[in-house]
PDB file of N, CA and C in Angstrom:
ATOM      1  N   MET A   1      25.253 186.620 -81.960  1.00  0.00           N
ATOM      2  CA  MET A   1      24.813 185.665 -82.973  1.00  0.00           C
ATOM      3  C   MET A   1      25.283 184.262 -82.580  1.00  0.00           C
ATOM      4  N   ALA A   2      24.402 183.290 -82.715  1.00  0.00           N
ATOM      5  CA  ALA A   2      24.738 181.909 -82.352  1.00  0.00           C
ATOM      6  C   ALA A   2      25.744 181.325 -83.341  1.00  0.00           C
ATOM      7  N   ALA A   3      26.583 180.424 -82.834  1.00  0.00           N
ATOM      8  CA  ALA A   3      27.574 179.764 -83.684  1.00  0.00           C
ATOM      9  C   ALA A   3      26.858 178.891 -84.715  1.00  0.00           C
ATOM     10  N   LYS A   4      27.413 178.836 -85.904  1.00  0.00           N
ATOM     11  CA  LYS A   4      26.881 177.952 -86.941  1.00  0.00           C
ATOM     12  C   LYS A   4      27.100 176.510 -86.498  1.00  0.00           C
ATOM     13  N   ARG A   5      26.125 175.654 -86.770  1.00  0.00           N
ATOM     14  CA  ARG A   5      26.164 174.254 -86.331  1.00  0.00           C
ATOM     15  C   ARG A   5      26.561 173.360 -87.509  1.00  0.00           C
ATOM     16  N   ILE A   6      27.602 172.554 -87.301  1.00  0.00           N
ATOM     17  CA  ILE A   6      28.131 171.670 -88.341  1.00  0.00           C
ATOM     18  C   ILE A   6      28.046 170.231 -87.870  1.00  0.00           C
ATOM     19  N   LEU A   7      27.530 169.373 -88.730  1.00  0.00           N
ATOM     20  CA  LEU A   7      27.473 167.934 -88.465  1.00  0.00           C
ATOM     21  C   LEU A   7      28.611 167.272 -89.225  1.00  0.00           C
ATOM     22  N   THR A   8      29.486 166.564 -88.508  1.00  0.00           N
ATOM     23  CA  THR A   8      30.576 165.831 -89.153  1.00  0.00           C
ATOM     24  C   THR A   8      30.279 164.338 -89.036  1.00  0.00           C
ATOM     25  N   VAL A   9      30.360 163.637 -90.174  1.00  0.00           N
ATOM     26  CA  VAL A   9      29.972 162.229 -90.249  1.00  0.00           C
ATOM     27  C   VAL A   9      31.141 161.404 -90.770  1.00  0.00           C
ATOM     28  N   ASP A  10      31.668 160.529 -89.913  1.00  0.00           N
ATOM     29  CA  ASP A  10      32.775 159.665 -90.319  1.00  0.00           C
ATOM     30  C   ASP A  10      32.824 158.493 -89.356  1.00  0.00           C
ATOM     31  N   ASP A  11      33.105 157.297 -89.874  1.00  0.00           N
ATOM     32  CA  ASP A  11      33.178 156.129 -88.994  1.00  0.00           C
ATOM     33  C   ASP A  11      34.492 156.087 -88.213  1.00  0.00           C
ATOM     34  N   ALA A  12      35.470 156.896 -88.613  1.00  0.00           N
ATOM     35  CA  ALA A  12      36.758 156.938 -87.906  1.00  0.00           C
ATOM     36  C   ALA A  12      36.717 158.023 -86.833  1.00  0.00           C
ATOM     37  N   GLU A  13      36.831 157.608 -85.573  1.00  0.00           N
ATOM     38  CA  GLU A  13      36.798 158.556 -84.461  1.00  0.00           C
ATOM     39  C   GLU A  13      37.904 159.595 -84.582  1.00  0.00           C
ATOM     40  N   SER A  14      39.074 159.185 -85.070  1.00  0.00           N
ATOM     41  CA  SER A  14      40.201 160.114 -85.196  1.00  0.00           C
ATOM     42  C   SER A  14      39.882 161.248 -86.177  1.00  0.00           C
ATOM     43  N   VAL A  15      39.182 160.930 -87.258  1.00  0.00           N
ATOM     44  CA  VAL A  15      38.820 161.960 -88.240  1.00  0.00           C
ATOM     45  C   VAL A  15      37.759 162.890 -87.653  1.00  0.00           C
ATOM     46  N   ARG A  16      36.737 162.305 -87.026  1.00  0.00           N
ATOM     47  CA  ARG A  16      35.710 163.142 -86.396  1.00  0.00           C
ATOM     48  C   ARG A  16      36.340 164.085 -85.374  1.00  0.00           C
ATOM     49  N   SER A  17      37.252 163.560 -84.589  1.00  0.00           N
ATOM     50  CA  SER A  17      37.912 164.352 -83.552  1.00  0.00           C
ATOM     51  C   SER A  17      38.708 165.504 -84.164  1.00  0.00           C
ATOM     52  N   LEU A  18      39.462 165.227 -85.214  1.00  0.00           N
ATOM     53  CA  LEU A  18      40.266 166.259 -85.870  1.00  0.00           C
ATOM     54  C   LEU A  18      39.376 167.343 -86.478  1.00  0.00           C
ATOM     55  N   VAL A  19      38.309 166.940 -87.167  1.00  0.00           N
ATOM     56  CA  VAL A  19      37.389 167.907 -87.766  1.00  0.00           C
ATOM     57  C   VAL A  19      36.723 168.727 -86.661  1.00  0.00           C
ATOM     58  N   SER A  20      36.265 168.059 -85.609  1.00  0.00           N
ATOM     59  CA  SER A  20      35.593 168.754 -84.504  1.00  0.00           C
ATOM     60  C   SER A  20      36.517 169.763 -83.827  1.00  0.00           C
ATOM     61  N   ARG A  21      37.730 169.341 -83.549  1.00  0.00           N
ATOM     62  CA  ARG A  21      38.694 170.221 -82.889  1.00  0.00           C
ATOM     63  C   ARG A  21      39.022 171.419 -83.792  1.00  0.00           C
ATOM     64  N   THR A  22      39.293 171.151 -85.059  1.00  0.00           N
ATOM     65  CA  THR A  22      39.648 172.215 -86.011  1.00  0.00           C
ATOM     66  C   THR A  22      38.537 173.244 -86.139  1.00  0.00           C
ATOM     67  N   LEU A  23      37.315 172.771 -86.349  1.00  0.00           N
ATOM     68  CA  LEU A  23      36.202 173.695 -86.563  1.00  0.00           C
ATOM     69  C   LEU A  23      35.694 174.290 -85.255  1.00  0.00           C
ATOM     70  N   GLY A  24      35.815 173.545 -84.164  1.00  0.00           N
ATOM     71  CA  GLY A  24      35.439 174.077 -82.851  1.00  0.00           C
ATOM     72  C   GLY A  24      36.322 175.261 -82.479  1.00  0.00           C
ATOM     73  N   GLN A  25      37.625 175.136 -82.747  1.00  0.00           N
ATOM     74  CA  GLN A  25      38.564 176.230 -82.467  1.00  0.00           C
ATOM     75  C   GLN A  25      38.285 177.449 -83.344  1.00  0.00           C
ATOM     76  N   ALA A  26      37.642 177.217 -84.494  1.00  0.00           N
ATOM     77  CA  ALA A  26      37.290 178.322 -85.395  1.00  0.00           C
ATOM     78  C   ALA A  26      35.947 178.944 -85.013  1.00  0.00           C
ATOM     79  N   GLY A  27      35.325 178.437 -83.933  1.00  0.00           N
ATOM     80  CA  GLY A  27      34.099 179.048 -83.431  1.00  0.00           C
ATOM     81  C   GLY A  27      32.797 178.388 -83.833  1.00  0.00           C
ATOM     82  N   TYR A  28      32.877 177.204 -84.436  1.00  0.00           N
ATOM     83  CA  TYR A  28      31.666 176.510 -84.855  1.00  0.00           C
ATOM     84  C   TYR A  28      31.194 175.530 -83.781  1.00  0.00           C
ATOM     85  N   ASP A  29      29.884 175.268 -83.757  1.00  0.00           N
ATOM     86  CA  ASP A  29      29.274 174.284 -82.873  1.00  0.00           C
ATOM     87  C   ASP A  29      29.245 172.970 -83.650  1.00  0.00           C
ATOM     88  N   ILE A  30      29.879 171.920 -83.115  1.00  0.00           N
ATOM     89  CA  ILE A  30      30.045 170.665 -83.855  1.00  0.00           C
ATOM     90  C   ILE A  30      29.203 169.543 -83.253  1.00  0.00           C
ATOM     91  N   VAL A  31      28.546 168.793 -84.128  1.00  0.00           N
ATOM     92  CA  VAL A  31      27.821 167.579 -83.765  1.00  0.00           C
ATOM     93  C   VAL A  31      28.485 166.450 -84.541  1.00  0.00           C
ATOM     94  N   GLU A  32      28.742 165.313 -83.890  1.00  0.00           N
ATOM     95  CA  GLU A  32      29.410 164.189 -84.550  1.00  0.00           C
ATOM     96  C   GLU A  32      28.440 163.034 -84.760  1.00  0.00           C
ATOM     97  N   ALA A  33      28.596 162.345 -85.901  1.00  0.00           N
ATOM     98  CA  ALA A  33      27.821 161.141 -86.204  1.00  0.00           C
ATOM     99  C   ALA A  33      28.766 160.075 -86.749  1.00  0.00           C
ATOM    100  N   VAL A  34      28.474 158.796 -86.438  1.00  0.00           N
ATOM    101  CA  VAL A  34      29.368 157.699 -86.820  1.00  0.00           C
ATOM    102  C   VAL A  34      29.058 157.101 -88.189  1.00  0.00           C
ATOM    103  N   ASP A  35      27.881 157.378 -88.735  1.00  0.00           N
ATOM    104  CA  ASP A  35      27.522 156.912 -90.078  1.00  0.00           C
ATOM    105  C   ASP A  35      26.290 157.681 -90.549  1.00  0.00           C
ATOM    106  N   GLY A  36      25.814 157.341 -91.740  1.00  0.00           N
ATOM    107  CA  GLY A  36      24.688 158.065 -92.317  1.00  0.00           C
ATOM    108  C   GLY A  36      23.415 157.980 -91.498  1.00  0.00           C
ATOM    109  N   ALA A  37      23.110 156.807 -90.962  1.00  0.00           N
ATOM    110  CA  ALA A  37      21.892 156.647 -90.164  1.00  0.00           C
ATOM    111  C   ALA A  37      21.953 157.517 -88.909  1.00  0.00           C
ATOM    112  N   ASP A  38      23.101 157.515 -88.235  1.00  0.00           N
ATOM    113  CA  ASP A  38      23.300 158.348 -87.056  1.00  0.00           C
ATOM    114  C   ASP A  38      23.159 159.828 -87.441  1.00  0.00           C
ATOM    115  N   ALA A  39      23.694 160.193 -88.595  1.00  0.00           N
ATOM    116  CA  ALA A  39      23.611 161.577 -89.068  1.00  0.00           C
ATOM    117  C   ALA A  39      22.162 162.002 -89.285  1.00  0.00           C
ATOM    118  N   LEU A  40      21.352 161.119 -89.868  1.00  0.00           N
ATOM    119  CA  LEU A  40      19.947 161.464 -90.102  1.00  0.00           C
ATOM    120  C   LEU A  40      19.216 161.698 -88.792  1.00  0.00           C
ATOM    121  N   ASP A  41      19.571 160.947 -87.759  1.00  0.00           N
ATOM    122  CA  ASP A  41      18.972 161.173 -86.439  1.00  0.00           C
ATOM    123  C   ASP A  41      19.387 162.531 -85.883  1.00  0.00           C
ATOM    124  N   LYS A  42      20.645 162.892 -86.061  1.00  0.00           N
ATOM    125  CA  LYS A  42      21.183 164.102 -85.440  1.00  0.00           C
ATOM    126  C   LYS A  42      20.919 165.380 -86.232  1.00  0.00           C
ATOM    127  N   VAL A  43      20.612 165.259 -87.498  1.00  0.00           N
ATOM    128  CA  VAL A  43      20.381 166.439 -88.332  1.00  0.00           C
ATOM    129  C   VAL A  43      19.019 167.063 -88.027  1.00  0.00           C
ATOM    130  N   ALA A  44      18.152 166.322 -87.380  1.00  0.00           N
ATOM    131  CA  ALA A  44      16.804 166.813 -87.082  1.00  0.00           C
ATOM    132  C   ALA A  44      16.816 168.071 -86.220  1.00  0.00           C
ATOM    133  N   GLY A  45      17.864 168.248 -85.415  1.00  0.00           N
ATOM    134  CA  GLY A  45      17.962 169.450 -84.586  1.00  0.00           C
ATOM    135  C   GLY A  45      18.321 170.697 -85.377  1.00  0.00           C
ATOM    136  N   GLY A  46      18.619 170.529 -86.655  1.00  0.00           N
ATOM    137  CA  GLY A  46      18.978 171.641 -87.522  1.00  0.00           C
ATOM    138  C   GLY A  46      20.489 171.841 -87.570  1.00  0.00           C
ATOM    139  N   VAL A  47      21.047 171.851 -88.758  1.00  0.00           N
ATOM    140  CA  VAL A  47      22.470 172.110 -88.953  1.00  0.00           C
ATOM    141  C   VAL A  47      22.641 173.083 -90.117  1.00  0.00           C
ATOM    142  N   ASP A  48      23.757 173.798 -90.098  1.00  0.00           N
ATOM    143  CA  ASP A  48      24.041 174.764 -91.159  1.00  0.00           C
ATOM    144  C   ASP A  48      24.901 174.172 -92.270  1.00  0.00           C
ATOM    145  N   LEU A  49      25.610 173.063 -91.954  1.00  0.00           N
ATOM    146  CA  LEU A  49      26.493 172.431 -92.928  1.00  0.00           C
ATOM    147  C   LEU A  49      26.767 171.005 -92.467  1.00  0.00           C
ATOM    148  N   VAL A  50      26.951 170.103 -93.436  1.00  0.00           N
ATOM    149  CA  VAL A  50      27.293 168.705 -93.150  1.00  0.00           C
ATOM    150  C   VAL A  50      28.624 168.398 -93.825  1.00  0.00           C
ATOM    151  N   ILE A  51      29.503 167.708 -93.091  1.00  0.00           N
ATOM    152  CA  ILE A  51      30.759 167.205 -93.654  1.00  0.00           C
ATOM    153  C   ILE A  51      30.707 165.697 -93.497  1.00  0.00           C
ATOM    154  N   THR A  52      30.741 164.959 -94.607  1.00  0.00           N
ATOM    155  CA  THR A  52      30.592 163.511 -94.522  1.00  0.00           C
ATOM    156  C   THR A  52      31.659 162.756 -95.296  1.00  0.00           C
ATOM    157  N   ALA A  53      32.003 161.588 -94.757  1.00  0.00           N
ATOM    158  CA  ALA A  53      32.838 160.632 -95.484  1.00  0.00           C
ATOM    159  C   ALA A  53      31.948 159.938 -96.509  1.00  0.00           C
ATOM    160  N   ILE A  54      32.546 159.269 -97.466  1.00  0.00           N
ATOM    161  CA  ILE A  54      31.796 158.489 -98.451  1.00  0.00           C
ATOM    162  C   ILE A  54      31.700 157.033 -98.002  1.00  0.00           C
ATOM    163  N   ASN A  55      32.852 156.438 -97.721  1.00  0.00           N
ATOM    164  CA  ASN A  55      32.904 155.007 -97.407  1.00  0.00           C
ATOM    165  C   ASN A  55      32.772 154.788 -95.903  1.00  0.00           C
ATOM    166  N   MET A  56      31.580 154.310 -95.506  1.00  0.00           N
ATOM    167  CA  MET A  56      31.316 153.992 -94.104  1.00  0.00           C
ATOM    168  C   MET A  56      30.466 152.734 -94.063  1.00  0.00           C
ATOM    169  N   PRO A  57      30.626 151.916 -93.015  1.00  0.00           N
ATOM    170  CA  PRO A  57      29.732 150.760 -92.876  1.00  0.00           C
ATOM    171  C   PRO A  57      28.316 151.263 -92.602  1.00  0.00           C
ATOM    172  N   GLY A  58      27.349 150.426 -92.875  1.00  0.00           N
ATOM    173  CA  GLY A  58      25.963 150.869 -92.703  1.00  0.00           C
ATOM    174  C   GLY A  58      25.610 151.808 -93.836  1.00  0.00           C
ATOM    175  N   MET A  59      25.069 152.963 -93.507  1.00  0.00           N
ATOM    176  CA  MET A  59      24.718 153.944 -94.533  1.00  0.00           C
ATOM    177  C   MET A  59      25.922 154.824 -94.837  1.00  0.00           C
ATOM    178  N   GLY A  60      26.389 154.764 -96.074  1.00  0.00           N
ATOM    179  CA  GLY A  60      27.534 155.561 -96.505  1.00  0.00           C
ATOM    180  C   GLY A  60      27.133 156.974 -96.903  1.00  0.00           C
ATOM    181  N   GLY A  61      28.137 157.731 -97.309  1.00  0.00           N
ATOM    182  CA  GLY A  61      27.935 159.131 -97.632  1.00  0.00           C
ATOM    183  C   GLY A  61      27.048 159.416 -98.828  1.00  0.00           C
ATOM    184  N   LEU A  62      27.126 158.585 -99.875  1.00  0.00           N
ATOM    185  CA  LEU A  62      26.278 158.831-101.048  1.00  0.00           C
ATOM    186  C   LEU A  62      24.804 158.638-100.714  1.00  0.00           C
ATOM    187  N   GLU A  63      24.495 157.589 -99.959  1.00  0.00           N
ATOM    188  CA  GLU A  63      23.100 157.383 -99.559  1.00  0.00           C
ATOM    189  C   GLU A  63      22.644 158.506 -98.633  1.00  0.00           C
ATOM    190  N   LEU A  64      23.522 158.921 -97.713  1.00  0.00           N
ATOM    191  CA  LEU A  64      23.195 160.033 -96.824  1.00  0.00           C
ATOM    192  C   LEU A  64      22.892 161.293 -97.628  1.00  0.00           C
ATOM    193  N   LEU A  65      23.711 161.592 -98.617  1.00  0.00           N
ATOM    194  CA  LEU A  65      23.472 162.759 -99.470  1.00  0.00           C
ATOM    195  C   LEU A  65      22.086 162.706-100.100  1.00  0.00           C
ATOM    196  N   GLY A  66      21.744 161.548-100.658  1.00  0.00           N
ATOM    197  CA  GLY A  66      20.431 161.393-101.273  1.00  0.00           C
ATOM    198  C   GLY A  66      19.304 161.633-100.286  1.00  0.00           C
ATOM    199  N   ARG A  67      19.446 161.090 -99.087  1.00  0.00           N
ATOM    200  CA  ARG A  67      18.413 161.256 -98.049  1.00  0.00           C
ATOM    201  C   ARG A  67      18.308 162.711 -97.592  1.00  0.00           C
ATOM    202  N   LEU A  68      19.461 163.367 -97.445  1.00  0.00           N
ATOM    203  CA  LEU A  68      19.429 164.771 -97.032  1.00  0.00           C
ATOM    204  C   LEU A  68      18.735 165.637 -98.070  1.00  0.00           C
ATOM    205  N   ARG A  69      18.963 165.351 -99.345  1.00  0.00           N
ATOM    206  CA  ARG A  69      18.360 166.139-100.420  1.00  0.00           C
ATOM    207  C   ARG A  69      16.858 165.899-100.546  1.00  0.00           C
ATOM    208  N   GLN A  70      16.366 164.783-100.000  1.00  0.00           N
ATOM    209  CA  GLN A  70      14.924 164.492-100.027  1.00  0.00           C
ATOM    210  C   GLN A  70      14.170 165.197 -98.901  1.00  0.00           C
ATOM    211  N   ARG A  71      14.876 165.612 -97.859  1.00  0.00           N
ATOM    212  CA  ARG A  71      14.238 166.231 -96.695  1.00  0.00           C
ATOM    213  C   ARG A  71      14.071 167.730 -96.909  1.00  0.00           C
ATOM    214  N   PRO A  72      12.887 168.267 -96.618  1.00  0.00           N
ATOM    215  CA  PRO A  72      12.687 169.714 -96.772  1.00  0.00           C
ATOM    216  C   PRO A  72      13.638 170.551 -95.911  1.00  0.00           C
ATOM    217  N   ASP A  73      13.993 170.063 -94.715  1.00  0.00           N
ATOM    218  CA  ASP A  73      14.838 170.846 -93.805  1.00  0.00           C
ATOM    219  C   ASP A  73      16.317 170.816 -94.175  1.00  0.00           C
ATOM    220  N   THR A  74      16.740 169.885 -95.030  1.00  0.00           N
ATOM    221  CA  THR A  74      18.160 169.810 -95.405  1.00  0.00           C
ATOM    222  C   THR A  74      18.375 169.831 -96.928  1.00  0.00           C
ATOM    223  N   ARG A  75      17.321 170.065 -97.662  1.00  0.00           N
ATOM    224  CA  ARG A  75      17.415 170.039 -99.130  1.00  0.00           C
ATOM    225  C   ARG A  75      18.505 170.966 -99.654  1.00  0.00           C
ATOM    226  N   PHE A  76      18.655 172.142 -99.014  1.00  0.00           N
ATOM    227  CA  PHE A  76      19.620 173.128 -99.508  1.00  0.00           C
ATOM    228  C   PHE A  76      20.803 173.330 -98.568  1.00  0.00           C
ATOM    229  N   THR A  77      20.947 172.456 -97.575  1.00  0.00           N
ATOM    230  CA  THR A  77      22.078 172.545 -96.646  1.00  0.00           C
ATOM    231  C   THR A  77      23.362 172.164 -97.382  1.00  0.00           C
ATOM    232  N   PRO A  78      24.416 172.981 -97.287  1.00  0.00           N
ATOM    233  CA  PRO A  78      25.676 172.598 -97.940  1.00  0.00           C
ATOM    234  C   PRO A  78      26.221 171.295 -97.347  1.00  0.00           C
ATOM    235  N   VAL A  79      26.699 170.414 -98.233  1.00  0.00           N
ATOM    236  CA  VAL A  79      27.289 169.147 -97.800  1.00  0.00           C
ATOM    237  C   VAL A  79      28.669 169.024 -98.438  1.00  0.00           C
ATOM    238  N   LEU A  80      29.691 168.956 -97.579  1.00  0.00           N
ATOM    239  CA  LEU A  80      31.061 168.761 -98.043  1.00  0.00           C
ATOM    240  C   LEU A  80      31.429 167.300 -97.858  1.00  0.00           C
ATOM    241  N   VAL A  81      32.051 166.709 -98.858  1.00  0.00           N
ATOM    242  CA  VAL A  81      32.512 165.329 -98.788  1.00  0.00           C
ATOM    243  C   VAL A  81      33.984 165.350 -98.386  1.00  0.00           C
ATOM    244  N   LEU A  82      34.305 164.635 -97.312  1.00  0.00           N
ATOM    245  CA  LEU A  82      35.676 164.515 -96.810  1.00  0.00           C
ATOM    246  C   LEU A  82      36.065 163.057 -96.979  1.00  0.00           C
ATOM    247  N   THR A  83      36.975 162.778 -97.905  1.00  0.00           N
ATOM    248  CA  THR A  83      37.225 161.390 -98.274  1.00  0.00           C
ATOM    249  C   THR A  83      38.652 161.155 -98.755  1.00  0.00           C
ATOM    250  N   THR A  84      39.063 159.904 -98.734  1.00  0.00           N
ATOM    251  CA  THR A  84      40.346 159.523 -99.324  1.00  0.00           C
ATOM    252  C   THR A  84      40.179 159.288-100.820  1.00  0.00           C
ATOM    253  N   GLU A  85      38.932 159.243-101.288  1.00  0.00           N
ATOM    254  CA  GLU A  85      38.655 159.015-102.712  1.00  0.00           C
ATOM    255  C   GLU A  85      39.062 160.247-103.508  1.00  0.00           C
ATOM    256  N   SER A  86      39.887 160.064-104.525  1.00  0.00           N
ATOM    257  CA  SER A  86      40.266 161.206-105.350  1.00  0.00           C
ATOM    258  C   SER A  86      39.874 161.013-106.815  1.00  0.00           C
ATOM    259  N   GLN A  87      39.244 159.892-107.134  1.00  0.00           N
ATOM    260  CA  GLN A  87      38.859 159.629-108.520  1.00  0.00           C
ATOM    261  C   GLN A  87      37.737 160.567-108.968  1.00  0.00           C
ATOM    262  N   SER A  88      37.841 161.023-110.204  1.00  0.00           N
ATOM    263  CA  SER A  88      36.838 161.955-110.716  1.00  0.00           C
ATOM    264  C   SER A  88      35.468 161.288-110.840  1.00  0.00           C
ATOM    265  N   ALA A  89      35.418 159.982-111.081  1.00  0.00           N
ATOM    266  CA  ALA A  89      34.124 159.295-111.184  1.00  0.00           C
ATOM    267  C   ALA A  89      33.375 159.359-109.852  1.00  0.00           C
ATOM    268  N   MET A  90      34.093 159.153-108.746  1.00  0.00           N
ATOM    269  CA  MET A  90      33.467 159.226-107.428  1.00  0.00           C
ATOM    270  C   MET A  90      33.020 160.658-107.134  1.00  0.00           C
ATOM    271  N   ARG A  91      33.822 161.606-107.543  1.00  0.00           N
ATOM    272  CA  ARG A  91      33.462 163.014-107.343  1.00  0.00           C
ATOM    273  C   ARG A  91      32.186 163.354-108.105  1.00  0.00           C
ATOM    274  N   ARG A  92      32.093 162.874-109.350  1.00  0.00           N
ATOM    275  CA  ARG A  92      30.885 163.122-110.148  1.00  0.00           C
ATOM    276  C   ARG A  92      29.662 162.488-109.493  1.00  0.00           C
ATOM    277  N   GLN A  93      29.832 161.275-108.956  1.00  0.00           N
ATOM    278  CA  GLN A  93      28.732 160.609-108.249  1.00  0.00           C
ATOM    279  C   GLN A  93      28.283 161.431-107.051  1.00  0.00           C
ATOM    280  N   ALA A  94      29.226 161.938-106.297  1.00  0.00           N
ATOM    281  CA  ALA A  94      28.904 162.725-105.105  1.00  0.00           C
ATOM    282  C   ALA A  94      28.190 164.021-105.487  1.00  0.00           C
ATOM    283  N   VAL A  95      28.675 164.690-106.529  1.00  0.00           N
ATOM    284  CA  VAL A  95      28.035 165.928-106.974  1.00  0.00           C
ATOM    285  C   VAL A  95      26.622 165.627-107.479  1.00  0.00           C
ATOM    286  N   ALA A  96      26.469 164.531-108.225  1.00  0.00           N
ATOM    287  CA  ALA A  96      25.143 164.150-108.709  1.00  0.00           C
ATOM    288  C   ALA A  96      24.191 163.852-107.548  1.00  0.00           C
ATOM    289  N   ALA A  97      24.735 163.327-106.437  1.00  0.00           N
ATOM    290  CA  ALA A  97      23.914 163.016-105.264  1.00  0.00           C
ATOM    291  C   ALA A  97      23.608 164.260-104.441  1.00  0.00           C
ATOM    292  N   GLY A  98      24.300 165.372-104.720  1.00  0.00           N
ATOM    293  CA  GLY A  98      23.993 166.606-104.019  1.00  0.00           C
ATOM    294  C   GLY A  98      25.126 167.238-103.238  1.00  0.00           C
ATOM    295  N   ALA A  99      26.354 166.740-103.378  1.00  0.00           N
ATOM    296  CA  ALA A  99      27.486 167.337-102.661  1.00  0.00           C
ATOM    297  C   ALA A  99      27.766 168.739-103.196  1.00  0.00           C
ATOM    298  N   THR A 100      28.128 169.648-102.296  1.00  0.00           N
ATOM    299  CA  THR A 100      28.445 171.008-102.703  1.00  0.00           C
ATOM    300  C   THR A 100      29.944 171.297-102.667  1.00  0.00           C
ATOM    301  N   GLY A 101      30.726 170.394-102.075  1.00  0.00           N
ATOM    302  CA  GLY A 101      32.168 170.578-102.018  1.00  0.00           C
ATOM    303  C   GLY A 101      32.871 169.263-101.745  1.00  0.00           C
ATOM    304  N   TRP A 102      34.192 169.251-101.892  1.00  0.00           N
ATOM    305  CA  TRP A 102      34.988 168.019-101.820  1.00  0.00           C
ATOM    306  C   TRP A 102      36.323 168.313-101.160  1.00  0.00           C
ATOM    307  N   ILE A 103      36.695 167.530-100.164  1.00  0.00           N
ATOM    308  CA  ILE A 103      37.986 167.672 -99.487  1.00  0.00           C
ATOM    309  C   ILE A 103      38.627 166.296 -99.439  1.00  0.00           C
ATOM    310  N   VAL A 104      39.872 166.184 -99.890  1.00  0.00           N
ATOM    311  CA  VAL A 104      40.567 164.897 -99.863  1.00  0.00           C
ATOM    312  C   VAL A 104      41.389 164.793 -98.579  1.00  0.00           C
ATOM    313  N   LYS A 105      41.245 163.646 -97.881  1.00  0.00           N
ATOM    314  CA  LYS A 105      42.045 163.368 -96.679  1.00  0.00           C
ATOM    315  C   LYS A 105      43.425 162.892 -97.120  1.00  0.00           C
ATOM    316  N   PRO A 106      44.472 163.205 -96.408  1.00  0.00           N
ATOM    317  CA  PRO A 106      44.503 164.104 -95.253  1.00  0.00           C
ATOM    318  C   PRO A 106      44.343 165.546 -95.708  1.00  0.00           C
ATOM    319  N   PHE A 107      43.767 166.386 -94.857  1.00  0.00           N
ATOM    320  CA  PHE A 107      43.506 167.776 -95.204  1.00  0.00           C
ATOM    321  C   PHE A 107      44.313 168.704 -94.304  1.00  0.00           C
ATOM    322  N   GLU A 108      44.522 169.901 -94.789  1.00  0.00           N
ATOM    323  CA  GLU A 108      45.157 170.951 -93.991  1.00  0.00           C
ATOM    324  C   GLU A 108      44.050 171.626 -93.183  1.00  0.00           C
ATOM    325  N   PRO A 109      44.177 171.713 -91.871  1.00  0.00           N
ATOM    326  CA  PRO A 109      43.133 172.349 -91.065  1.00  0.00           C
ATOM    327  C   PRO A 109      42.735 173.745 -91.568  1.00  0.00           C
ATOM    328  N   ALA A 110      43.692 174.567 -91.944  1.00  0.00           N
ATOM    329  CA  ALA A 110      43.380 175.921 -92.425  1.00  0.00           C
ATOM    330  C   ALA A 110      42.539 175.874 -93.706  1.00  0.00           C
ATOM    331  N   SER A 111      42.799 174.887 -94.563  1.00  0.00           N
ATOM    332  CA  SER A 111      42.022 174.750 -95.802  1.00  0.00           C
ATOM    333  C   SER A 111      40.585 174.355 -95.499  1.00  0.00           C
ATOM    334  N   LEU A 112      40.407 173.464 -94.519  1.00  0.00           N
ATOM    335  CA  LEU A 112      39.055 173.052 -94.122  1.00  0.00           C
ATOM    336  C   LEU A 112      38.282 174.250 -93.574  1.00  0.00           C
ATOM    337  N   VAL A 113      38.902 175.012 -92.690  1.00  0.00           N
ATOM    338  CA  VAL A 113      38.235 176.181 -92.112  1.00  0.00           C
ATOM    339  C   VAL A 113      37.877 177.187 -93.210  1.00  0.00           C
ATOM    340  N   ALA A 114      38.785 177.414 -94.141  1.00  0.00           N
ATOM    341  CA  ALA A 114      38.530 178.359 -95.230  1.00  0.00           C
ATOM    342  C   ALA A 114      37.349 177.907 -96.101  1.00  0.00           C
ATOM    343  N   LEU A 115      37.296 176.622 -96.391  1.00  0.00           N
ATOM    344  CA  LEU A 115      36.197 176.099 -97.218  1.00  0.00           C
ATOM    345  C   LEU A 115      34.874 176.214 -96.479  1.00  0.00           C
ATOM    346  N   VAL A 116      34.861 175.854 -95.205  1.00  0.00           N
ATOM    347  CA  VAL A 116      33.637 175.954 -94.406  1.00  0.00           C
ATOM    348  C   VAL A 116      33.175 177.403 -94.335  1.00  0.00           C
ATOM    349  N   ARG A 117      34.099 178.316 -94.101  1.00  0.00           N
ATOM    350  CA  ARG A 117      33.732 179.745 -94.039  1.00  0.00           C
ATOM    351  C   ARG A 117      33.112 180.215 -95.349  1.00  0.00           C
ATOM    352  N   ARG A 118      33.646 179.705 -96.453  1.00  0.00           N
ATOM    353  CA  ARG A 118      33.119 180.104 -97.758  1.00  0.00           C
ATOM    354  C   ARG A 118      31.653 179.698 -97.906  1.00  0.00           C
ATOM    355  N   PHE A 119      31.310 178.493 -97.415  1.00  0.00           N
ATOM    356  CA  PHE A 119      29.932 178.025 -97.541  1.00  0.00           C
ATOM    357  C   PHE A 119      28.998 178.614 -96.495  1.00  0.00           C
ATOM    358  N   LEU A 120      29.539 179.088 -95.383  1.00  0.00           N
ATOM    359  CA  LEU A 120      28.687 179.595 -94.304  1.00  0.00           C
ATOM    360  C   LEU A 120      28.713 181.113 -94.154  1.00  0.00           C
ATOM    361  N   SER A 121      29.366 181.795 -95.072  1.00  0.00           N
ATOM    362  CA  SER A 121      29.427 183.268 -94.945  1.00  0.00           C
ATOM    363  C   SER A 121      28.181 183.927 -95.480  1.00  0.00           C
TER     364      SER A 121
END
């Protein structure tokens, strides 16, 4: 069986690297994007899950969520928000835009893997 493909979207290279390394070691195929626009280009190849930051220059995570939910190929793809934002108002906005899960940075690698497994099992 082919590895599940995950798109990680964050403007911080260090965060993308940590997510990629953590999930790559867990057996997932990782694609990285630097912002929402880059993510929309890269999602066309098909992904099983998206992990995105909220606050990014250019197209941020909320706009990306809205765009993903408009596309037939990603309408039902799980999207996890990985962010430093912990306010409930921002969480409600993300859920309203289509987020299926929420992870606050900094995260425990084992917790990230467990959450991803839950959505991809």
